[in-house]
Amino acid sequence: MAMADKSDKGPKLPPAAKSAERRERGGWLSKIAPGISNFVGSKRETPENLWVKDPDTGDMIYRSDLEAALWVTPSGRHMRIGPKARMKFTFDDGQFESLPTPEVVEDPLHFSDGKPYKDRLKAARNATGERDVMAIGYGKVQGVDCIVLVQDFAFMGGSLGMAAGEGFIAAAKAAVERKVPLVAFTAAGGARMQEGALSLMQMARTTLAIQELKKAQLPYLVVLTDPTTGGVTASYAMLGDIHLAEPGALICFAGPRVIETTIREKLPEGFQRSEFLVEKGMVDRVVSRSELPEVLGALMSMLMSGKRKAA
């Protein structure tokens, strides 16, 4: 008589059910040391964003290492960062006073492009934690008091709308009131189409705010980050006393693909990137992210020297 196979006793469980049963029993370790479950979880939690992919090489970079490198990859790519990280990297010891941005009428045109504008604003706010595209901070950079304005590309592509215009004007007014320089970090895909002509009006309004800075004889420095395009480039991004740019930043009005399609010619290598624009005289200097605070501090100290003597 053939012996019965003990493994045939009882119904067979699928692998998932077996794993669940083992977790319920606690495993062999909990049998010999019941108290171990108080110290060891049943499942090891691993953050989903522990690694970041280098856009240039495809290599996976440990997130904490990338943060320590100011979000600059080993290949030299200056990755896009938000206002909080930008302020932290720029101000001395990461210390600054956050200034409020004015509130504006939302969705003045009741616009919808398949999705209501108000819903797009809500989604952007939930994703970034910011009210809109502009963030303003006041503090010291290399010991020099200044106002820093940061444009957040993660918020609807950093698009220029009424809130962005009001934010820029508020930053310029704060600089005039405190008699300090204004530093603007630009990043935008252009004007916000959901606000139509109202967004285009901000180009003129921000230009007038810059004139107030000039009347007060206060420096206005621009740091062009990737990407700075469209109406922002055609207004306050190119009206600074000095224009710095991060390495590899795309800086233009119309993008290279649009131009290639229009003229039907192959563009030069690196066309509209910061290094190319330095050669053409559109940008004064390309500065790596780690060196920006030192360079900004030196420039502001030099430009404010006469103002300090007068005071």
C-alpha atoms as a PDB file:
ATOM      1  CA  MET A   1       0.000   0.000   0.000  1.00  0.00           C
ATOM      2  CA  ALA A   2       1.318   3.367  -0.951  1.00  0.00           C
ATOM      3  CA  MET A   3       1.839   5.774   1.912  1.00  0.00           C
ATOM      4  CA  ALA A   4      -0.259   8.941   1.842  1.00  0.00           C
ATOM      5  CA  ASP A   5       1.602  12.163   1.205  1.00  0.00           C
ATOM      6  CA  LYS A   6       1.271  14.350   4.307  1.00  0.00           C
ATOM      7  CA  SER A   7       1.425  17.453   2.134  1.00  0.00           C
ATOM      8  CA  ASP A   8      -1.963  16.482   0.644  1.00  0.00           C
ATOM      9  CA  LYS A   9      -3.791  16.883   3.957  1.00  0.00           C
ATOM     10  CA  GLY A  10      -6.184  19.864   3.950  1.00  0.00           C
ATOM     11  CA  PRO A  11      -6.787  22.383   1.201  1.00  0.00           C
ATOM     12  CA  LYS A  12      -3.802  23.974  -0.523  1.00  0.00           C
ATOM     13  CA  LEU A  13      -3.377  27.732  -0.006  1.00  0.00           C
ATOM     14  CA  PRO A  14      -2.221  30.159  -2.682  1.00  0.00           C
ATOM     15  CA  PRO A  15       1.204  31.820  -2.068  1.00  0.00           C
ATOM     16  CA  ALA A  16      -0.387  35.128  -0.980  1.00  0.00           C
ATOM     17  CA  ALA A  17      -2.591  33.355   1.563  1.00  0.00           C
ATOM     18  CA  LYS A  18       0.388  31.375   2.883  1.00  0.00           C
ATOM     19  CA  SER A  19       2.345  34.613   3.402  1.00  0.00           C
ATOM     20  CA  ALA A  20      -0.580  36.142   5.266  1.00  0.00           C
ATOM     21  CA  GLU A  21      -0.889  33.015   7.434  1.00  0.00           C
ATOM     22  CA  ARG A  22       2.810  33.150   8.300  1.00  0.00           C
ATOM     23  CA  ARG A  23       2.509  36.826   9.260  1.00  0.00           C
ATOM     24  CA  GLU A  24      -0.440  36.004  11.522  1.00  0.00           C
ATOM     25  CA  ARG A  25       1.540  33.232  13.237  1.00  0.00           C
ATOM     26  CA  GLY A  26       4.382  35.730  13.703  1.00  0.00           C
ATOM     27  CA  GLY A  27       7.113  33.540  12.211  1.00  0.00           C
ATOM     28  CA  TRP A  28       9.616  31.323  14.036  1.00  0.00           C
ATOM     29  CA  LEU A  29      11.306  34.219  15.821  1.00  0.00           C
ATOM     30  CA  SER A  30       8.137  35.265  17.625  1.00  0.00           C
ATOM     31  CA  LYS A  31       7.663  31.692  18.867  1.00  0.00           C
ATOM     32  CA  ILE A  32      10.965  31.601  20.725  1.00  0.00           C
ATOM     33  CA  ALA A  33      10.873  35.311  21.707  1.00  0.00           C
ATOM     34  CA  PRO A  34       7.272  36.556  21.836  1.00  0.00           C
ATOM     35  CA  GLY A  35       8.327  40.080  22.843  1.00  0.00           C
ATOM     36  CA  ILE A  36      10.306  40.593  19.638  1.00  0.00           C
ATOM     37  CA  SER A  37       7.171  41.806  17.831  1.00  0.00           C
ATOM     38  CA  ASN A  38       7.283  44.952  19.967  1.00  0.00           C
ATOM     39  CA  PHE A  39      10.630  45.899  18.415  1.00  0.00           C
ATOM     40  CA  VAL A  40      10.484  44.468  14.889  1.00  0.00           C
ATOM     41  CA  GLY A  41       7.644  45.426  12.534  1.00  0.00           C
ATOM     42  CA  SER A  42       5.966  42.817  10.388  1.00  0.00           C
ATOM     43  CA  LYS A  43       6.941  44.758   7.260  1.00  0.00           C
ATOM     44  CA  ARG A  44       9.934  46.930   6.584  1.00  0.00           C
ATOM     45  CA  GLU A  45       8.876  50.346   5.330  1.00  0.00           C
ATOM     46  CA  THR A  46      11.005  51.781   2.518  1.00  0.00           C
ATOM     47  CA  PRO A  47      10.407  55.343   1.282  1.00  0.00           C
ATOM     48  CA  GLU A  48       9.273  55.437  -2.336  1.00  0.00           C
ATOM     49  CA  ASN A  49      11.458  58.467  -3.078  1.00  0.00           C
ATOM     50  CA  LEU A  50      14.668  57.077  -1.594  1.00  0.00           C
ATOM     51  CA  TRP A  51      16.398  57.212  -4.983  1.00  0.00           C
ATOM     52  CA  VAL A  52      16.392  59.860  -7.720  1.00  0.00           C
ATOM     53  CA  LYS A  53      17.234  59.183 -11.349  1.00  0.00           C
ATOM     54  CA  ASP A  54      19.894  61.327 -13.027  1.00  0.00           C
ATOM     55  CA  PRO A  55      18.182  62.744 -16.156  1.00  0.00           C
ATOM     56  CA  ASP A  56      21.486  62.748 -18.076  1.00  0.00           C
ATOM     57  CA  THR A  57      23.043  59.378 -17.263  1.00  0.00           C
ATOM     58  CA  GLY A  58      20.109  57.367 -15.959  1.00  0.00           C
ATOM     59  CA  ASP A  59      22.067  56.511 -12.795  1.00  0.00           C
ATOM     60  CA  MET A  60      20.149  56.217  -9.536  1.00  0.00           C
ATOM     61  CA  ILE A  61      21.311  58.684  -6.872  1.00  0.00           C
ATOM     62  CA  TYR A  62      20.657  58.345  -3.164  1.00  0.00           C
ATOM     63  CA  ARG A  63      18.264  61.165  -2.291  1.00  0.00           C
ATOM     64  CA  SER A  64      20.117  62.330   0.820  1.00  0.00           C
ATOM     65  CA  ASP A  65      23.361  62.552  -1.191  1.00  0.00           C
ATOM     66  CA  LEU A  66      21.587  64.644  -3.831  1.00  0.00           C
ATOM     67  CA  GLU A  67      20.185  66.985  -1.194  1.00  0.00           C
ATOM     68  CA  ALA A  68      23.652  67.374   0.334  1.00  0.00           C
ATOM     69  CA  ALA A  69      24.910  68.311  -3.148  1.00  0.00           C
ATOM     70  CA  LEU A  70      22.222  71.041  -3.414  1.00  0.00           C
ATOM     71  CA  TRP A  71      20.357  68.928  -5.981  1.00  0.00           C
ATOM     72  CA  VAL A  72      23.262  68.965  -8.431  1.00  0.00           C
ATOM     73  CA  THR A  73      23.893  65.515  -9.933  1.00  0.00           C
ATOM     74  CA  PRO A  74      27.383  64.009 -10.437  1.00  0.00           C
ATOM     75  CA  SER A  75      26.943  64.714 -14.158  1.00  0.00           C
ATOM     76  CA  GLY A  76      26.585  68.419 -13.343  1.00  0.00           C
ATOM     77  CA  ARG A  77      22.855  68.735 -13.989  1.00  0.00           C
ATOM     78  CA  HIS A  78      21.342  71.472 -11.816  1.00  0.00           C
ATOM     79  CA  MET A  79      17.953  69.973 -11.076  1.00  0.00           C
ATOM     80  CA  ARG A  80      14.912  72.161 -10.527  1.00  0.00           C
ATOM     81  CA  ILE A  81      14.208  73.017  -6.901  1.00  0.00           C
ATOM     82  CA  GLY A  82      11.349  74.759  -5.109  1.00  0.00           C
ATOM     83  CA  PRO A  83      11.291  77.980  -3.067  1.00  0.00           C
ATOM     84  CA  LYS A  84      11.961  76.332   0.306  1.00  0.00           C
ATOM     85  CA  ALA A  85      15.157  74.643  -0.856  1.00  0.00           C
ATOM     86  CA  ARG A  86      16.235  77.722  -2.815  1.00  0.00           C
ATOM     87  CA  MET A  87      15.832  80.030   0.190  1.00  0.00           C
ATOM     88  CA  LYS A  88      17.646  77.558   2.422  1.00  0.00           C
ATOM     89  CA  PHE A  89      20.616  77.321   0.046  1.00  0.00           C
ATOM     90  CA  THR A  90      20.786  81.097  -0.569  1.00  0.00           C
ATOM     91  CA  PHE A  91      20.362  82.818   2.797  1.00  0.00           C
ATOM     92  CA  ASP A  92      23.066  82.696   5.477  1.00  0.00           C
ATOM     93  CA  ASP A  93      22.546  79.588   7.636  1.00  0.00           C
ATOM     94  CA  GLY A  94      19.230  79.098   5.848  1.00  0.00           C
ATOM     95  CA  GLN A  95      17.654  81.747   8.064  1.00  0.00           C
ATOM     96  CA  PHE A  96      15.157  84.214   6.600  1.00  0.00           C
ATOM     97  CA  GLU A  97      11.837  85.950   7.168  1.00  0.00           C
ATOM     98  CA  SER A  98       9.060  84.782   4.867  1.00  0.00           C
ATOM     99  CA  LEU A  99       7.028  87.702   3.501  1.00  0.00           C
ATOM    100  CA  PRO A 100       3.394  87.304   2.377  1.00  0.00           C
ATOM    101  CA  THR A 101       2.312  87.604  -1.244  1.00  0.00           C
ATOM    102  CA  PRO A 102      -0.879  89.552  -2.068  1.00  0.00           C
ATOM    103  CA  GLU A 103      -4.092  87.677  -2.802  1.00  0.00           C
ATOM    104  CA  VAL A 104      -5.726  88.182  -6.183  1.00  0.00           C
ATOM    105  CA  VAL A 105      -9.052  87.381  -7.813  1.00  0.00           C
ATOM    106  CA  GLU A 106      -9.019  83.737  -8.831  1.00  0.00           C
ATOM    107  CA  ASP A 107     -10.286  82.603 -12.226  1.00  0.00           C
ATOM    108  CA  PRO A 108     -11.416  86.065 -13.392  1.00  0.00           C
ATOM    109  CA  LEU A 109     -12.298  84.698 -16.858  1.00  0.00           C
ATOM    110  CA  HIS A 110     -14.043  81.506 -15.584  1.00  0.00           C
ATOM    111  CA  PHE A 111     -11.646  79.639 -17.849  1.00  0.00           C
ATOM    112  CA  SER A 112     -11.725  75.938 -18.661  1.00  0.00           C
ATOM    113  CA  ASP A 113      -9.470  74.021 -21.024  1.00  0.00           C
ATOM    114  CA  GLY A 114     -11.113  70.678 -20.402  1.00  0.00           C
ATOM    115  CA  LYS A 115     -10.508  71.203 -16.689  1.00  0.00           C
ATOM    116  CA  PRO A 116     -11.676  74.283 -14.745  1.00  0.00           C
ATOM    117  CA  TYR A 117      -8.902  76.717 -13.854  1.00  0.00           C
ATOM    118  CA  LYS A 118      -9.900  76.620 -10.175  1.00  0.00           C
ATOM    119  CA  ASP A 119      -9.349  72.855 -10.169  1.00  0.00           C
ATOM    120  CA  ARG A 120      -5.904  73.305 -11.708  1.00  0.00           C
ATOM    121  CA  LEU A 121      -5.008  75.835  -9.020  1.00  0.00           C
ATOM    122  CA  LYS A 122      -6.225  73.475  -6.306  1.00  0.00           C
ATOM    123  CA  ALA A 123      -4.178  70.588  -7.728  1.00  0.00           C
ATOM    124  CA  ALA A 124      -1.031  72.758  -7.959  1.00  0.00           C
ATOM    125  CA  ARG A 125      -1.464  73.937  -4.360  1.00  0.00           C
ATOM    126  CA  ASN A 126      -1.894  70.389  -3.096  1.00  0.00           C
ATOM    127  CA  ALA A 127       1.194  69.220  -5.028  1.00  0.00           C
ATOM    128  CA  THR A 128       3.548  72.061  -4.033  1.00  0.00           C
ATOM    129  CA  GLY A 129       2.179  73.331  -0.732  1.00  0.00           C
ATOM    130  CA  GLU A 130       2.458  76.884  -2.121  1.00  0.00           C
ATOM    131  CA  ARG A 131      -0.317  79.411  -2.686  1.00  0.00           C
ATOM    132  CA  ASP A 132       0.997  80.368  -6.117  1.00  0.00           C
ATOM    133  CA  VAL A 133       4.167  80.637  -8.121  1.00  0.00           C
ATOM    134  CA  MET A 134       6.037  83.375  -6.176  1.00  0.00           C
ATOM    135  CA  ALA A 135       7.721  83.167  -2.754  1.00  0.00           C
ATOM    136  CA  ILE A 136       9.410  86.114  -1.015  1.00  0.00           C
ATOM    137  CA  GLY A 137      12.071  86.024   1.693  1.00  0.00           C
ATOM    138  CA  TYR A 138      14.053  88.657   3.598  1.00  0.00           C
ATOM    139  CA  GLY A 139      17.406  87.987   5.203  1.00  0.00           C
ATOM    140  CA  LYS A 140      21.164  88.138   4.769  1.00  0.00           C
ATOM    141  CA  VAL A 141      23.251  86.704   1.934  1.00  0.00           C
ATOM    142  CA  GLN A 142      26.938  86.758   2.869  1.00  0.00           C
ATOM    143  CA  GLY A 143      26.059  89.365   5.481  1.00  0.00           C
ATOM    144  CA  VAL A 144      24.182  91.654   3.047  1.00  0.00           C
ATOM    145  CA  ASP A 145      20.503  92.347   3.750  1.00  0.00           C
ATOM    146  CA  CYS A 146      18.307  91.676   0.724  1.00  0.00           C
ATOM    147  CA  ILE A 147      14.934  90.549  -0.576  1.00  0.00           C
ATOM    148  CA  VAL A 148      14.913  87.254  -2.479  1.00  0.00           C
ATOM    149  CA  LEU A 149      12.080  86.357  -4.847  1.00  0.00           C
ATOM    150  CA  VAL A 150      11.797  82.745  -6.039  1.00  0.00           C
ATOM    151  CA  GLN A 151       9.621  81.567  -8.908  1.00  0.00           C
ATOM    152  CA  ASP A 152       8.447  77.966  -8.581  1.00  0.00           C
ATOM    153  CA  PHE A 153       8.363  76.024 -11.864  1.00  0.00           C
ATOM    154  CA  ALA A 154       6.553  73.143 -10.151  1.00  0.00           C
ATOM    155  CA  PHE A 155       3.496  75.395  -9.733  1.00  0.00           C
ATOM    156  CA  MET A 156       1.804  75.297 -13.160  1.00  0.00           C
ATOM    157  CA  GLY A 157       5.119  75.625 -14.954  1.00  0.00           C
ATOM    158  CA  GLY A 158       6.003  78.835 -13.093  1.00  0.00           C
ATOM    159  CA  SER A 159       3.512  80.608 -15.359  1.00  0.00           C
ATOM    160  CA  LEU A 160       3.184  84.378 -15.119  1.00  0.00           C
ATOM    161  CA  GLY A 161      -0.290  85.358 -13.920  1.00  0.00           C
ATOM    162  CA  MET A 162      -1.825  88.039 -11.752  1.00  0.00           C
ATOM    163  CA  ALA A 163      -0.604  86.409  -8.541  1.00  0.00           C
ATOM    164  CA  ALA A 164       2.944  86.245  -9.913  1.00  0.00           C
ATOM    165  CA  GLY A 165       2.792  89.892 -10.970  1.00  0.00           C
ATOM    166  CA  GLU A 166       1.530  90.991  -7.576  1.00  0.00           C
ATOM    167  CA  GLY A 167       4.198  88.869  -5.894  1.00  0.00           C
ATOM    168  CA  PHE A 168       6.957  90.544  -7.894  1.00  0.00           C
ATOM    169  CA  ILE A 169       5.579  94.020  -7.158  1.00  0.00           C
ATOM    170  CA  ALA A 170       5.321  93.178  -3.447  1.00  0.00           C
ATOM    171  CA  ALA A 171       8.963  92.033  -3.419  1.00  0.00           C
ATOM    172  CA  ALA A 172      10.094  95.223  -5.182  1.00  0.00           C
ATOM    173  CA  LYS A 173       8.122  97.395  -2.731  1.00  0.00           C
ATOM    174  CA  ALA A 174       9.616  95.533   0.225  1.00  0.00           C
ATOM    175  CA  ALA A 175      13.114  96.136  -1.172  1.00  0.00           C
ATOM    176  CA  VAL A 176      12.409  99.868  -1.575  1.00  0.00           C
ATOM    177  CA  GLU A 177      10.903 100.170   1.911  1.00  0.00           C
ATOM    178  CA  ARG A 178      13.845  98.380   3.533  1.00  0.00           C
ATOM    179  CA  LYS A 179      16.402  99.992   1.210  1.00  0.00           C
ATOM    180  CA  VAL A 180      17.954  96.667   0.216  1.00  0.00           C
ATOM    181  CA  PRO A 181      18.717  94.906  -3.092  1.00  0.00           C
ATOM    182  CA  LEU A 182      16.244  92.591  -4.814  1.00  0.00           C
ATOM    183  CA  VAL A 183      17.382  89.184  -6.101  1.00  0.00           C
ATOM    184  CA  ALA A 184      14.987  87.299  -8.376  1.00  0.00           C
ATOM    185  CA  PHE A 185      15.349  83.590  -9.198  1.00  0.00           C
ATOM    186  CA  THR A 186      13.321  83.098 -12.365  1.00  0.00           C
ATOM    187  CA  ALA A 187      11.816  79.859 -13.684  1.00  0.00           C
ATOM    188  CA  ALA A 188       8.827  79.902 -16.020  1.00  0.00           C
ATOM    189  CA  GLY A 189       7.227  78.394 -19.066  1.00  0.00           C
ATOM    190  CA  GLY A 190       5.643  81.712 -20.037  1.00  0.00           C
ATOM    191  CA  ALA A 191       2.385  83.545 -19.396  1.00  0.00           C
ATOM    192  CA  ARG A 192      -0.585  81.780 -17.762  1.00  0.00           C
ATOM    193  CA  MET A 193      -3.037  81.196 -20.582  1.00  0.00           C
ATOM    194  CA  GLN A 194      -5.967  80.683 -18.189  1.00  0.00           C
ATOM    195  CA  GLU A 195      -5.815  84.424 -17.405  1.00  0.00           C
ATOM    196  CA  GLY A 196      -5.545  85.640 -20.987  1.00  0.00           C
ATOM    197  CA  ALA A 197      -4.599  89.297 -21.492  1.00  0.00           C
ATOM    198  CA  LEU A 198      -4.551  89.813 -17.718  1.00  0.00           C
ATOM    199  CA  SER A 199      -1.417  87.681 -17.536  1.00  0.00           C
ATOM    200  CA  LEU A 200       0.271  89.679 -20.317  1.00  0.00           C
ATOM    201  CA  MET A 201      -0.396  92.905 -18.395  1.00  0.00           C
ATOM    202  CA  GLN A 202       1.982  91.661 -15.695  1.00  0.00           C
ATOM    203  CA  MET A 203       4.913  92.160 -18.074  1.00  0.00           C
ATOM    204  CA  ALA A 204       4.309  95.917 -18.021  1.00  0.00           C
ATOM    205  CA  ARG A 205       3.431  96.063 -14.310  1.00  0.00           C
ATOM    206  CA  THR A 206       6.604  94.254 -13.214  1.00  0.00           C
ATOM    207  CA  THR A 207       8.664  96.527 -15.491  1.00  0.00           C
ATOM    208  CA  LEU A 208       7.239  99.570 -13.688  1.00  0.00           C
ATOM    209  CA  ALA A 209       8.120  97.991 -10.331  1.00  0.00           C
ATOM    210  CA  ILE A 210      11.733  97.653 -11.515  1.00  0.00           C
ATOM    211  CA  GLN A 211      11.739 101.352 -12.386  1.00  0.00           C
ATOM    212  CA  GLU A 212      10.891 102.101  -8.743  1.00  0.00           C
ATOM    213  CA  LEU A 213      13.967 100.113  -7.697  1.00  0.00           C
ATOM    214  CA  LYS A 214      16.104 102.132 -10.098  1.00  0.00           C
ATOM    215  CA  LYS A 215      14.693 105.415  -8.765  1.00  0.00           C
ATOM    216  CA  ALA A 216      15.678 104.308  -5.287  1.00  0.00           C
ATOM    217  CA  GLN A 217      19.134 103.373  -6.673  1.00  0.00           C
ATOM    218  CA  LEU A 218      18.807  99.814  -5.400  1.00  0.00           C
ATOM    219  CA  PRO A 219      20.417  96.852  -7.182  1.00  0.00           C
ATOM    220  CA  TYR A 220      18.226  94.356  -8.995  1.00  0.00           C
ATOM    221  CA  LEU A 221      19.971  91.038  -9.665  1.00  0.00           C
ATOM    222  CA  VAL A 222      18.482  88.184 -11.682  1.00  0.00           C
ATOM    223  CA  VAL A 223      19.464  84.523 -11.454  1.00  0.00           C
ATOM    224  CA  LEU A 224      18.115  82.657 -14.476  1.00  0.00           C
ATOM    225  CA  THR A 225      17.314  79.035 -13.702  1.00  0.00           C
ATOM    226  CA  ASP A 226      16.068  76.195 -15.863  1.00  0.00           C
ATOM    227  CA  PRO A 227      13.833  77.007 -17.652  1.00  0.00           C
ATOM    228  CA  THR A 228      13.190  80.751 -18.041  1.00  0.00           C
ATOM    229  CA  THR A 229      11.068  81.328 -21.128  1.00  0.00           C
ATOM    230  CA  GLY A 230       8.217  83.295 -22.690  1.00  0.00           C
ATOM    231  CA  GLY A 231       6.826  86.485 -21.227  1.00  0.00           C
ATOM    232  CA  VAL A 232       9.057  86.261 -18.165  1.00  0.00           C
ATOM    233  CA  THR A 233      12.155  86.427 -20.363  1.00  0.00           C
ATOM    234  CA  ALA A 234      10.527  89.290 -22.265  1.00  0.00           C
ATOM    235  CA  SER A 235      10.078  91.312 -19.065  1.00  0.00           C
ATOM    236  CA  TYR A 236      11.603  91.235 -15.583  1.00  0.00           C
ATOM    237  CA  ALA A 237      14.007  88.340 -16.222  1.00  0.00           C
ATOM    238  CA  MET A 238      16.040  90.472 -18.633  1.00  0.00           C
ATOM    239  CA  LEU A 239      15.840  93.852 -16.900  1.00  0.00           C
ATOM    240  CA  GLY A 240      18.341  93.236 -14.113  1.00  0.00           C
ATOM    241  CA  ASP A 241      21.481  95.220 -13.397  1.00  0.00           C
ATOM    242  CA  ILE A 242      23.355  91.905 -13.521  1.00  0.00           C
ATOM    243  CA  HIS A 243      22.219  88.581 -14.993  1.00  0.00           C
ATOM    244  CA  LEU A 244      23.590  85.345 -13.596  1.00  0.00           C
ATOM    245  CA  ALA A 245      22.527  81.882 -14.747  1.00  0.00           C
ATOM    246  CA  GLU A 246      22.822  78.345 -13.454  1.00  0.00           C
ATOM    247  CA  PRO A 247      24.721  75.889 -15.687  1.00  0.00           C
ATOM    248  CA  GLY A 248      22.712  74.355 -18.512  1.00  0.00           C
ATOM    249  CA  ALA A 249      19.622  76.497 -17.963  1.00  0.00           C
ATOM    250  CA  LEU A 250      17.286  76.978 -20.918  1.00  0.00           C
ATOM    251  CA  ILE A 251      16.777  80.733 -21.385  1.00  0.00           C
ATOM    252  CA  CYS A 252      14.665  81.945 -24.291  1.00  0.00           C
ATOM    253  CA  PHE A 253      11.400  83.440 -25.494  1.00  0.00           C
ATOM    254  CA  ALA A 254      10.351  80.691 -27.931  1.00  0.00           C
ATOM    255  CA  GLY A 255      11.801  77.233 -27.385  1.00  0.00           C
ATOM    256  CA  PRO A 256      14.281  75.547 -29.752  1.00  0.00           C
ATOM    257  CA  ARG A 257      11.705  73.118 -31.160  1.00  0.00           C
ATOM    258  CA  VAL A 258       9.412  76.006 -32.129  1.00  0.00           C
ATOM    259  CA  ILE A 259      12.297  77.826 -33.821  1.00  0.00           C
ATOM    260  CA  GLU A 260      13.505  74.717 -35.680  1.00  0.00           C
ATOM    261  CA  THR A 261       9.973  74.074 -36.947  1.00  0.00           C
ATOM    262  CA  THR A 262       9.637  77.691 -38.064  1.00  0.00           C
ATOM    263  CA  ILE A 263      12.952  78.190 -39.861  1.00  0.00           C
ATOM    264  CA  ARG A 264      13.386  74.499 -40.783  1.00  0.00           C
ATOM    265  CA  GLU A 265      17.059  74.502 -39.888  1.00  0.00           C
ATOM    266  CA  LYS A 266      19.144  72.638 -37.343  1.00  0.00           C
ATOM    267  CA  LEU A 267      20.104  74.887 -34.443  1.00  0.00           C
ATOM    268  CA  PRO A 268      23.665  75.088 -33.014  1.00  0.00           C
ATOM    269  CA  GLU A 269      24.645  72.747 -30.197  1.00  0.00           C
ATOM    270  CA  GLY A 270      23.620  74.158 -26.809  1.00  0.00           C
ATOM    271  CA  PHE A 271      21.477  76.848 -28.441  1.00  0.00           C
ATOM    272  CA  GLN A 272      19.630  78.982 -25.840  1.00  0.00           C
ATOM    273  CA  ARG A 273      21.475  77.370 -22.935  1.00  0.00           C
ATOM    274  CA  SER A 274      23.153  79.621 -20.374  1.00  0.00           C
ATOM    275  CA  GLU A 275      26.715  78.926 -21.597  1.00  0.00           C
ATOM    276  CA  PHE A 276      25.723  79.812 -25.174  1.00  0.00           C
ATOM    277  CA  LEU A 277      24.083  83.046 -24.006  1.00  0.00           C
ATOM    278  CA  VAL A 278      27.183  84.129 -22.074  1.00  0.00           C
ATOM    279  CA  GLU A 279      29.142  83.932 -25.328  1.00  0.00           C
ATOM    280  CA  LYS A 280      26.512  86.081 -27.043  1.00  0.00           C
ATOM    281  CA  GLY A 281      26.452  88.680 -24.249  1.00  0.00           C
ATOM    282  CA  MET A 282      22.907  88.026 -23.067  1.00  0.00           C
ATOM    283  CA  VAL A 283      24.027  86.658 -19.682  1.00  0.00           C
ATOM    284  CA  ASP A 284      26.875  88.081 -17.604  1.00  0.00           C
ATOM    285  CA  ARG A 285      28.108  84.918 -15.938  1.00  0.00           C
ATOM    286  CA  VAL A 286      27.250  81.252 -15.382  1.00  0.00           C
ATOM    287  CA  VAL A 287      27.533  80.359 -11.692  1.00  0.00           C
ATOM    288  CA  SER A 288      27.138  76.940 -10.092  1.00  0.00           C
ATOM    289  CA  ARG A 289      24.554  76.620  -7.348  1.00  0.00           C
ATOM    290  CA  SER A 290      27.118  76.113  -4.596  1.00  0.00           C
ATOM    291  CA  GLU A 291      28.874  79.387  -5.521  1.00  0.00           C
ATOM    292  CA  LEU A 292      25.763  81.541  -5.956  1.00  0.00           C
ATOM    293  CA  PRO A 293      25.505  82.893  -2.382  1.00  0.00           C
ATOM    294  CA  GLU A 294      29.155  84.015  -2.408  1.00  0.00           C
ATOM    295  CA  VAL A 295      28.853  85.645  -5.848  1.00  0.00           C
ATOM    296  CA  LEU A 296      25.535  87.337  -5.014  1.00  0.00           C
ATOM    297  CA  GLY A 297      26.900  88.611  -1.723  1.00  0.00           C
ATOM    298  CA  ALA A 298      30.006  90.058  -3.360  1.00  0.00           C
ATOM    299  CA  LEU A 299      27.988  91.765  -6.106  1.00  0.00           C
ATOM    300  CA  MET A 300      25.434  93.256  -3.711  1.00  0.00           C
ATOM    301  CA  SER A 301      28.137  94.444  -1.349  1.00  0.00           C
ATOM    302  CA  MET A 302      29.913  96.193  -4.221  1.00  0.00           C
ATOM    303  CA  LEU A 303      26.729  97.738  -5.672  1.00  0.00           C
ATOM    304  CA  MET A 304      25.521  98.915  -2.259  1.00  0.00           C
ATOM    305  CA  SER A 305      28.855 100.419  -1.144  1.00  0.00           C
ATOM    306  CA  GLY A 306      28.015 103.918  -2.387  1.00  0.00           C
ATOM    307  CA  LYS A 307      24.544 103.680  -0.882  1.00  0.00           C
ATOM    308  CA  ARG A 308      25.968 102.771   2.508  1.00  0.00           C
ATOM    309  CA  LYS A 309      28.399 105.681   2.457  1.00  0.00           C
ATOM    310  CA  ALA A 310      25.556 108.076   1.621  1.00  0.00           C
ATOM    311  CA  ALA A 311      23.487 106.674   4.470  1.00  0.00           C
END
